[in-house]
Amino acid sequence: MISDELQRTIGSLEAQVGALVHEVAALRTELSELRTVLLRETLTHHERISALESFRRWSIGLFTGLVVSGIAALLGAIFRLIV
């Protein structure tokens, strides 16, 4: 027969294991929620980066067009003066 003290110890261990199982389940739920948030935020971040990259390309194109147009206008004025 198991002594009373041993039964109390086993009961205490079972309670601790039950508490740990509950904590692990809560941590898994929290980790799953965190993963979902991280995936959503990462996707949002990539969308922002894509938008910034598109704006950068547009700005470079606009600036290049303005510079080339300015050079063409300047050369046209110079050729008119020469000819």
PDB file of N, CA and C in Angstrom:
ATOM      1  N   MET A   1       0.847  -1.177   0.000  1.00  0.00           N
ATOM      2  CA  MET A   1       0.000   0.000   0.000  1.00  0.00           C
ATOM      3  C   MET A   1       0.888   1.235   0.000  1.00  0.00           C
ATOM      4  N   ILE A   2       0.480   2.253  -0.752  1.00  0.00           N
ATOM      5  CA  ILE A   2       1.243   3.491  -0.864  1.00  0.00           C
ATOM      6  C   ILE A   2       0.945   4.339   0.362  1.00  0.00           C
ATOM      7  N   SER A   3       2.016   4.892   0.908  1.00  0.00           N
ATOM      8  CA  SER A   3       1.844   5.715   2.109  1.00  0.00           C
ATOM      9  C   SER A   3       1.121   7.009   1.762  1.00  0.00           C
ATOM     10  N   ASP A   4       0.561   7.625   2.781  1.00  0.00           N
ATOM     11  CA  ASP A   4      -0.175   8.882   2.586  1.00  0.00           C
ATOM     12  C   ASP A   4       0.737   9.986   2.067  1.00  0.00           C
ATOM     13  N   GLU A   5       1.945  10.029   2.563  1.00  0.00           N
ATOM     14  CA  GLU A   5       2.883  11.076   2.129  1.00  0.00           C
ATOM     15  C   GLU A   5       3.226  10.906   0.656  1.00  0.00           C
ATOM     16  N   LEU A   6       3.425   9.666   0.222  1.00  0.00           N
ATOM     17  CA  LEU A   6       3.725   9.399  -1.178  1.00  0.00           C
ATOM     18  C   LEU A   6       2.528   9.755  -2.059  1.00  0.00           C
ATOM     19  N   GLN A   7       1.335   9.458  -1.598  1.00  0.00           N
ATOM     20  CA  GLN A   7       0.132   9.813  -2.351  1.00  0.00           C
ATOM     21  C   GLN A   7      -0.007  11.335  -2.469  1.00  0.00           C
ATOM     22  N   ARG A   8       0.292  12.065  -1.389  1.00  0.00           N
ATOM     23  CA  ARG A   8       0.238  13.532  -1.438  1.00  0.00           C
ATOM     24  C   ARG A   8       1.279  14.069  -2.415  1.00  0.00           C
ATOM     25  N   THR A   9       2.477  13.465  -2.412  1.00  0.00           N
ATOM     26  CA  THR A   9       3.528  13.893  -3.322  1.00  0.00           C
ATOM     27  C   THR A   9       3.114  13.644  -4.767  1.00  0.00           C
ATOM     28  N   ILE A  10       2.560  12.469  -5.022  1.00  0.00           N
ATOM     29  CA  ILE A  10       2.095  12.148  -6.377  1.00  0.00           C
ATOM     30  C   ILE A  10       0.966  13.089  -6.784  1.00  0.00           C
ATOM     31  N   GLY A  11       0.060  13.353  -5.883  1.00  0.00           N
ATOM     32  CA  GLY A  11      -1.035  14.290  -6.163  1.00  0.00           C
ATOM     33  C   GLY A  11      -0.507  15.686  -6.464  1.00  0.00           C
ATOM     34  N   SER A  12       0.493  16.112  -5.719  1.00  0.00           N
ATOM     35  CA  SER A  12       1.104  17.422  -5.947  1.00  0.00           C
ATOM     36  C   SER A  12       1.783  17.476  -7.311  1.00  0.00           C
ATOM     37  N   LEU A  13       2.500  16.391  -7.643  1.00  0.00           N
ATOM     38  CA  LEU A  13       3.151  16.326  -8.957  1.00  0.00           C
ATOM     39  C   LEU A  13       2.131  16.332 -10.084  1.00  0.00           C
ATOM     40  N   GLU A  14       1.032  15.613  -9.907  1.00  0.00           N
ATOM     41  CA  GLU A  14      -0.016  15.613 -10.928  1.00  0.00           C
ATOM     42  C   GLU A  14      -0.601  17.009 -11.105  1.00  0.00           C
ATOM     43  N   ALA A  15      -0.783  17.723 -10.018  1.00  0.00           N
ATOM     44  CA  ALA A  15      -1.307  19.089 -10.093  1.00  0.00           C
ATOM     45  C   ALA A  15      -0.318  19.998 -10.817  1.00  0.00           C
ATOM     46  N   GLN A  16       0.966  19.834 -10.529  1.00  0.00           N
ATOM     47  CA  GLN A  16       1.986  20.647 -11.191  1.00  0.00           C
ATOM     48  C   GLN A  16       2.044  20.336 -12.690  1.00  0.00           C
ATOM     49  N   VAL A  17       1.956  19.052 -13.023  1.00  0.00           N
ATOM     50  CA  VAL A  17       1.955  18.661 -14.439  1.00  0.00           C
ATOM     51  C   VAL A  17       0.721  19.235 -15.134  1.00  0.00           C
ATOM     52  N   GLY A  18      -0.417  19.178 -14.483  1.00  0.00           N
ATOM     53  CA  GLY A  18      -1.635  19.755 -15.053  1.00  0.00           C
ATOM     54  C   GLY A  18      -1.486  21.256 -15.282  1.00  0.00           C
ATOM     55  N   ALA A  19      -0.880  21.943 -14.317  1.00  0.00           N
ATOM     56  CA  ALA A  19      -0.661  23.383 -14.468  1.00  0.00           C
ATOM     57  C   ALA A  19       0.302  23.659 -15.618  1.00  0.00           C
ATOM     58  N   LEU A  20       1.348  22.857 -15.734  1.00  0.00           N
ATOM     59  CA  LEU A  20       2.307  23.039 -16.827  1.00  0.00           C
ATOM     60  C   LEU A  20       1.665  22.765 -18.184  1.00  0.00           C
ATOM     61  N   VAL A  21       0.819  21.753 -18.261  1.00  0.00           N
ATOM     62  CA  VAL A  21       0.118  21.458 -19.510  1.00  0.00           C
ATOM     63  C   VAL A  21      -0.757  22.648 -19.903  1.00  0.00           C
ATOM     64  N   HIS A  22      -1.429  23.237 -18.924  1.00  0.00           N
ATOM     65  CA  HIS A  22      -2.266  24.405 -19.189  1.00  0.00           C
ATOM     66  C   HIS A  22      -1.411  25.588 -19.660  1.00  0.00           C
ATOM     67  N   GLU A  23      -0.271  25.808 -19.038  1.00  0.00           N
ATOM     68  CA  GLU A  23       0.634  26.893 -19.438  1.00  0.00           C
ATOM     69  C   GLU A  23       1.166  26.680 -20.857  1.00  0.00           C
ATOM     70  N   VAL A  24       1.528  25.443 -21.176  1.00  0.00           N
ATOM     71  CA  VAL A  24       2.028  25.136 -22.527  1.00  0.00           C
ATOM     72  C   VAL A  24       0.936  25.393 -23.566  1.00  0.00           C
ATOM     73  N   ALA A  25      -0.278  25.009 -23.273  1.00  0.00           N
ATOM     74  CA  ALA A  25      -1.385  25.249 -24.201  1.00  0.00           C
ATOM     75  C   ALA A  25      -1.597  26.748 -24.390  1.00  0.00           C
ATOM     76  N   ALA A  26      -1.526  27.511 -23.298  1.00  0.00           N
ATOM     77  CA  ALA A  26      -1.683  28.967 -23.402  1.00  0.00           C
ATOM     78  C   ALA A  26      -0.543  29.575 -24.210  1.00  0.00           C
ATOM     79  N   LEU A  27       0.674  29.081 -24.009  1.00  0.00           N
ATOM     80  CA  LEU A  27       1.818  29.587 -24.762  1.00  0.00           C
ATOM     81  C   LEU A  27       1.707  29.251 -26.243  1.00  0.00           C
ATOM     82  N   ARG A  28       1.198  28.081 -26.555  1.00  0.00           N
ATOM     83  CA  ARG A  28       0.995  27.710 -27.961  1.00  0.00           C
ATOM     84  C   ARG A  28      -0.026  28.635 -28.617  1.00  0.00           C
ATOM     85  N   THR A  29      -1.097  28.931 -27.908  1.00  0.00           N
ATOM     86  CA  THR A  29      -2.111  29.843 -28.440  1.00  0.00           C
ATOM     87  C   THR A  29      -1.514  31.223 -28.665  1.00  0.00           C
ATOM     88  N   GLU A  30      -0.762  31.709 -27.679  1.00  0.00           N
ATOM     89  CA  GLU A  30      -0.134  33.021 -27.804  1.00  0.00           C
ATOM     90  C   GLU A  30       0.873  33.048 -28.952  1.00  0.00           C
ATOM     91  N   LEU A  31       1.649  31.987 -29.093  1.00  0.00           N
ATOM     92  CA  LEU A  31       2.620  31.898 -30.177  1.00  0.00           C
ATOM     93  C   LEU A  31       1.925  31.885 -31.539  1.00  0.00           C
ATOM     94  N   SER A  32       0.817  31.196 -31.637  1.00  0.00           N
ATOM     95  CA  SER A  32       0.059  31.162 -32.884  1.00  0.00           C
ATOM     96  C   SER A  32      -0.468  32.556 -33.234  1.00  0.00           C
ATOM     97  N   GLU A  33      -0.984  33.268 -32.239  1.00  0.00           N
ATOM     98  CA  GLU A  33      -1.462  34.635 -32.471  1.00  0.00           C
ATOM     99  C   GLU A  33      -0.307  35.552 -32.874  1.00  0.00           C
ATOM    100  N   LEU A  34       0.823  35.396 -32.226  1.00  0.00           N
ATOM    101  CA  LEU A  34       1.998  36.207 -32.547  1.00  0.00           C
ATOM    102  C   LEU A  34       2.466  35.937 -33.967  1.00  0.00           C
ATOM    103  N   ARG A  35       2.451  34.683 -34.368  1.00  0.00           N
ATOM    104  CA  ARG A  35       2.840  34.308 -35.734  1.00  0.00           C
ATOM    105  C   ARG A  35       1.917  34.970 -36.750  1.00  0.00           C
ATOM    106  N   THR A  36       0.624  34.955 -36.472  1.00  0.00           N
ATOM    107  CA  THR A  36      -0.341  35.579 -37.370  1.00  0.00           C
ATOM    108  C   THR A  36      -0.076  37.075 -37.506  1.00  0.00           C
ATOM    109  N   VAL A  37       0.174  37.732 -36.376  1.00  0.00           N
ATOM    110  CA  VAL A  37       0.449  39.174 -36.393  1.00  0.00           C
ATOM    111  C   VAL A  37       1.735  39.456 -37.163  1.00  0.00           C
ATOM    112  N   LEU A  38       2.770  38.661 -36.922  1.00  0.00           N
ATOM    113  CA  LEU A  38       4.036  38.873 -37.614  1.00  0.00           C
ATOM    114  C   LEU A  38       3.901  38.679 -39.118  1.00  0.00           C
ATOM    115  N   LEU A  39       3.172  37.675 -39.531  1.00  0.00           N
ATOM    116  CA  LEU A  39       2.964  37.454 -40.964  1.00  0.00           C
ATOM    117  C   LEU A  39       2.218  38.619 -41.600  1.00  0.00           C
ATOM    118  N   ARG A  40       1.182  39.105 -40.908  1.00  0.00           N
ATOM    119  CA  ARG A  40       0.408  40.229 -41.441  1.00  0.00           C
ATOM    120  C   ARG A  40       1.276  41.487 -41.518  1.00  0.00           C
ATOM    121  N   GLU A  41       2.038  41.761 -40.468  1.00  0.00           N
ATOM    122  CA  GLU A  41       2.890  42.957 -40.453  1.00  0.00           C
ATOM    123  C   GLU A  41       4.011  42.859 -41.490  1.00  0.00           C
ATOM    124  N   THR A  42       4.546  41.659 -41.696  1.00  0.00           N
ATOM    125  CA  THR A  42       5.588  41.467 -42.701  1.00  0.00           C
ATOM    126  C   THR A  42       5.026  41.725 -44.093  1.00  0.00           C
ATOM    127  N   LEU A  43       3.830  41.237 -44.354  1.00  0.00           N
ATOM    128  CA  LEU A  43       3.184  41.471 -45.645  1.00  0.00           C
ATOM    129  C   LEU A  43       2.949  42.966 -45.852  1.00  0.00           C
ATOM    130  N   THR A  44       2.471  43.640 -44.820  1.00  0.00           N
ATOM    131  CA  THR A  44       2.247  45.085 -44.905  1.00  0.00           C
ATOM    132  C   THR A  44       3.554  45.812 -45.174  1.00  0.00           C
ATOM    133  N   HIS A  45       4.617  45.388 -44.511  1.00  0.00           N
ATOM    134  CA  HIS A  45       5.929  46.009 -44.699  1.00  0.00           C
ATOM    135  C   HIS A  45       6.404  45.830 -46.143  1.00  0.00           C
ATOM    136  N   HIS A  46       6.237  44.637 -46.698  1.00  0.00           N
ATOM    137  CA  HIS A  46       6.639  44.389 -48.086  1.00  0.00           C
ATOM    138  C   HIS A  46       5.822  45.245 -49.060  1.00  0.00           C
ATOM    139  N   GLU A  47       4.539  45.432 -48.765  1.00  0.00           N
ATOM    140  CA  GLU A  47       3.711  46.283 -49.619  1.00  0.00           C
ATOM    141  C   GLU A  47       4.210  47.725 -49.584  1.00  0.00           C
ATOM    142  N   ARG A  48       4.594  48.207 -48.386  1.00  0.00           N
ATOM    143  CA  ARG A  48       5.120  49.567 -48.268  1.00  0.00           C
ATOM    144  C   ARG A  48       6.434  49.709 -49.028  1.00  0.00           C
ATOM    145  N   ILE A  49       7.283  48.708 -48.907  1.00  0.00           N
ATOM    146  CA  ILE A  49       8.557  48.747 -49.625  1.00  0.00           C
ATOM    147  C   ILE A  49       8.309  48.775 -51.135  1.00  0.00           C
ATOM    148  N   SER A  50       7.362  47.996 -51.618  1.00  0.00           N
ATOM    149  CA  SER A  50       7.034  47.994 -53.047  1.00  0.00           C
ATOM    150  C   SER A  50       6.522  49.357 -53.492  1.00  0.00           C
ATOM    151  N   ALA A  51       5.681  49.970 -52.669  1.00  0.00           N
ATOM    152  CA  ALA A  51       5.166  51.294 -53.017  1.00  0.00           C
ATOM    153  C   ALA A  51       6.303  52.323 -53.057  1.00  0.00           C
ATOM    154  N   LEU A  52       7.206  52.255 -52.097  1.00  0.00           N
ATOM    155  CA  LEU A  52       8.344  53.176 -52.088  1.00  0.00           C
ATOM    156  C   LEU A  52       9.260  52.945 -53.283  1.00  0.00           C
ATOM    157  N   GLU A  53       9.441  51.692 -53.649  1.00  0.00           N
ATOM    158  CA  GLU A  53      10.279  51.372 -54.807  1.00  0.00           C
ATOM    159  C   GLU A  53       9.639  51.912 -56.086  1.00  0.00           C
ATOM    160  N   SER A  54       8.336  51.785 -56.212  1.00  0.00           N
ATOM    161  CA  SER A  54       7.638  52.336 -57.377  1.00  0.00           C
ATOM    162  C   SER A  54       7.783  53.852 -57.419  1.00  0.00           C
ATOM    163  N   PHE A  55       7.639  54.503 -56.279  1.00  0.00           N
ATOM    164  CA  PHE A  55       7.794  55.963 -56.228  1.00  0.00           C
ATOM    165  C   PHE A  55       9.220  56.367 -56.587  1.00  0.00           C
ATOM    166  N   ARG A  56      10.194  55.590 -56.125  1.00  0.00           N
ATOM    167  CA  ARG A  56      11.601  55.890 -56.446  1.00  0.00           C
ATOM    168  C   ARG A  56      11.830  55.807 -57.958  1.00  0.00           C
ATOM    169  N   ARG A  57      11.318  54.749 -58.576  1.00  0.00           N
ATOM    170  CA  ARG A  57      11.482  54.610 -60.030  1.00  0.00           C
ATOM    171  C   ARG A  57      10.785  55.751 -60.769  1.00  0.00           C
ATOM    172  N   TRP A  58       9.590  56.121 -60.335  1.00  0.00           N
ATOM    173  CA  TRP A  58       8.857  57.217 -60.957  1.00  0.00           C
ATOM    174  C   TRP A  58       9.635  58.529 -60.814  1.00  0.00           C
ATOM    175  N   SER A  59      10.184  58.777 -59.621  1.00  0.00           N
ATOM    176  CA  SER A  59      10.944  60.007 -59.373  1.00  0.00           C
ATOM    177  C   SER A  59      12.201  60.071 -60.235  1.00  0.00           C
ATOM    178  N   ILE A  60      12.889  58.952 -60.339  1.00  0.00           N
ATOM    179  CA  ILE A  60      14.095  58.915 -61.173  1.00  0.00           C
ATOM    180  C   ILE A  60      13.729  59.174 -62.631  1.00  0.00           C
ATOM    181  N   GLY A  61      12.648  58.584 -63.106  1.00  0.00           N
ATOM    182  CA  GLY A  61      12.198  58.809 -64.482  1.00  0.00           C
ATOM    183  C   GLY A  61      11.836  60.267 -64.722  1.00  0.00           C
ATOM    184  N   LEU A  62      11.112  60.855 -63.764  1.00  0.00           N
ATOM    185  CA  LEU A  62      10.737  62.262 -63.907  1.00  0.00           C
ATOM    186  C   LEU A  62      11.969  63.159 -63.922  1.00  0.00           C
ATOM    187  N   PHE A  63      12.876  62.926 -62.985  1.00  0.00           N
ATOM    188  CA  PHE A  63      14.087  63.743 -62.900  1.00  0.00           C
ATOM    189  C   PHE A  63      14.940  63.580 -64.165  1.00  0.00           C
ATOM    190  N   THR A  64      15.066  62.360 -64.643  1.00  0.00           N
ATOM    191  CA  THR A  64      15.835  62.111 -65.870  1.00  0.00           C
ATOM    192  C   THR A  64      15.194  62.827 -67.051  1.00  0.00           C
ATOM    193  N   GLY A  65      13.873  62.740 -67.151  1.00  0.00           N
ATOM    194  CA  GLY A  65      13.171  63.426 -68.230  1.00  0.00           C
ATOM    195  C   GLY A  65      13.370  64.933 -68.177  1.00  0.00           C
ATOM    196  N   LEU A  66      13.304  65.502 -66.978  1.00  0.00           N
ATOM    197  CA  LEU A  66      13.512  66.948 -66.838  1.00  0.00           C
ATOM    198  C   LEU A  66      14.933  67.359 -67.220  1.00  0.00           C
ATOM    199  N   VAL A  67      15.914  66.570 -66.801  1.00  0.00           N
ATOM    200  CA  VAL A  67      17.312  66.880 -67.116  1.00  0.00           C
ATOM    201  C   VAL A  67      17.548  66.779 -68.619  1.00  0.00           C
ATOM    202  N   VAL A  68      17.070  65.708 -69.230  1.00  0.00           N
ATOM    203  CA  VAL A  68      17.262  65.523 -70.673  1.00  0.00           C
ATOM    204  C   VAL A  68      16.540  66.632 -71.448  1.00  0.00           C
ATOM    205  N   SER A  69      15.342  66.984 -71.032  1.00  0.00           N
ATOM    206  CA  SER A  69      14.614  68.071 -71.697  1.00  0.00           C
ATOM    207  C   SER A  69      15.360  69.395 -71.543  1.00  0.00           C
ATOM    208  N   GLY A  70      15.905  69.647 -70.364  1.00  0.00           N
ATOM    209  CA  GLY A  70      16.676  70.874 -70.141  1.00  0.00           C
ATOM    210  C   GLY A  70      17.918  70.931 -71.009  1.00  0.00           C
ATOM    211  N   ILE A  71      18.613  69.799 -71.104  1.00  0.00           N
ATOM    212  CA  ILE A  71      19.811  69.748 -71.952  1.00  0.00           C
ATOM    213  C   ILE A  71      19.430  69.946 -73.412  1.00  0.00           C
ATOM    214  N   ALA A  72      18.333  69.316 -73.860  1.00  0.00           N
ATOM    215  CA  ALA A  72      17.882  69.465 -75.247  1.00  0.00           C
ATOM    216  C   ALA A  72      17.507  70.917 -75.536  1.00  0.00           C
ATOM    217  N   ALA A  73      16.817  71.565 -74.601  1.00  0.00           N
ATOM    218  CA  ALA A  73      16.435  72.962 -74.798  1.00  0.00           C
ATOM    219  C   ALA A  73      17.677  73.856 -74.851  1.00  0.00           C
ATOM    220  N   LEU A  74      18.633  73.590 -73.987  1.00  0.00           N
ATOM    221  CA  LEU A  74      19.876  74.369 -73.965  1.00  0.00           C
ATOM    222  C   LEU A  74      20.654  74.182 -75.267  1.00  0.00           C
ATOM    223  N   LEU A  75      20.790  72.946 -75.720  1.00  0.00           N
ATOM    224  CA  LEU A  75      21.487  72.693 -76.979  1.00  0.00           C
ATOM    225  C   LEU A  75      20.752  73.322 -78.157  1.00  0.00           C
ATOM    226  N   GLY A  76      19.415  73.266 -78.138  1.00  0.00           N
ATOM    227  CA  GLY A  76      18.641  73.892 -79.202  1.00  0.00           C
ATOM    228  C   GLY A  76      18.887  75.396 -79.250  1.00  0.00           C
ATOM    229  N   ALA A  77      18.925  76.024 -78.064  1.00  0.00           N
ATOM    230  CA  ALA A  77      19.183  77.468 -78.013  1.00  0.00           C
ATOM    231  C   ALA A  77      20.596  77.782 -78.509  1.00  0.00           C
ATOM    232  N   ILE A  78      21.557  76.965 -78.146  1.00  0.00           N
ATOM    233  CA  ILE A  78      22.934  77.185 -78.570  1.00  0.00           C
ATOM    234  C   ILE A  78      23.048  77.031 -80.088  1.00  0.00           C
ATOM    235  N   PHE A  79      22.409  75.998 -80.657  1.00  0.00           N
ATOM    236  CA  PHE A  79      22.483  75.791 -82.112  1.00  0.00           C
ATOM    237  C   PHE A  79      21.798  76.927 -82.869  1.00  0.00           C
ATOM    238  N   ARG A  80      20.726  77.487 -82.320  1.00  0.00           N
ATOM    239  CA  ARG A  80      20.045  78.616 -82.962  1.00  0.00           C
ATOM    240  C   ARG A  80      20.972  79.839 -82.995  1.00  0.00           C
ATOM    241  N   LEU A  81      21.737  80.031 -81.943  1.00  0.00           N
ATOM    242  CA  LEU A  81      22.663  81.158 -81.890  1.00  0.00           C
ATOM    243  C   LEU A  81      23.829  80.966 -82.860  1.00  0.00           C
ATOM    244  N   ILE A  82      24.271  79.744 -83.024  1.00  0.00           N
ATOM    245  CA  ILE A  82      25.406  79.448 -83.897  1.00  0.00           C
ATOM    246  C   ILE A  82      24.977  79.553 -85.356  1.00  0.00           C
ATOM    247  N   VAL A  83      23.813  79.034 -85.690  1.00  0.00           N
ATOM    248  CA  VAL A  83      23.372  78.974 -87.077  1.00  0.00           C
ATOM    249  C   VAL A  83      22.715  80.231 -87.453  1.00  0.00           C
TER     250      VAL A  83
END
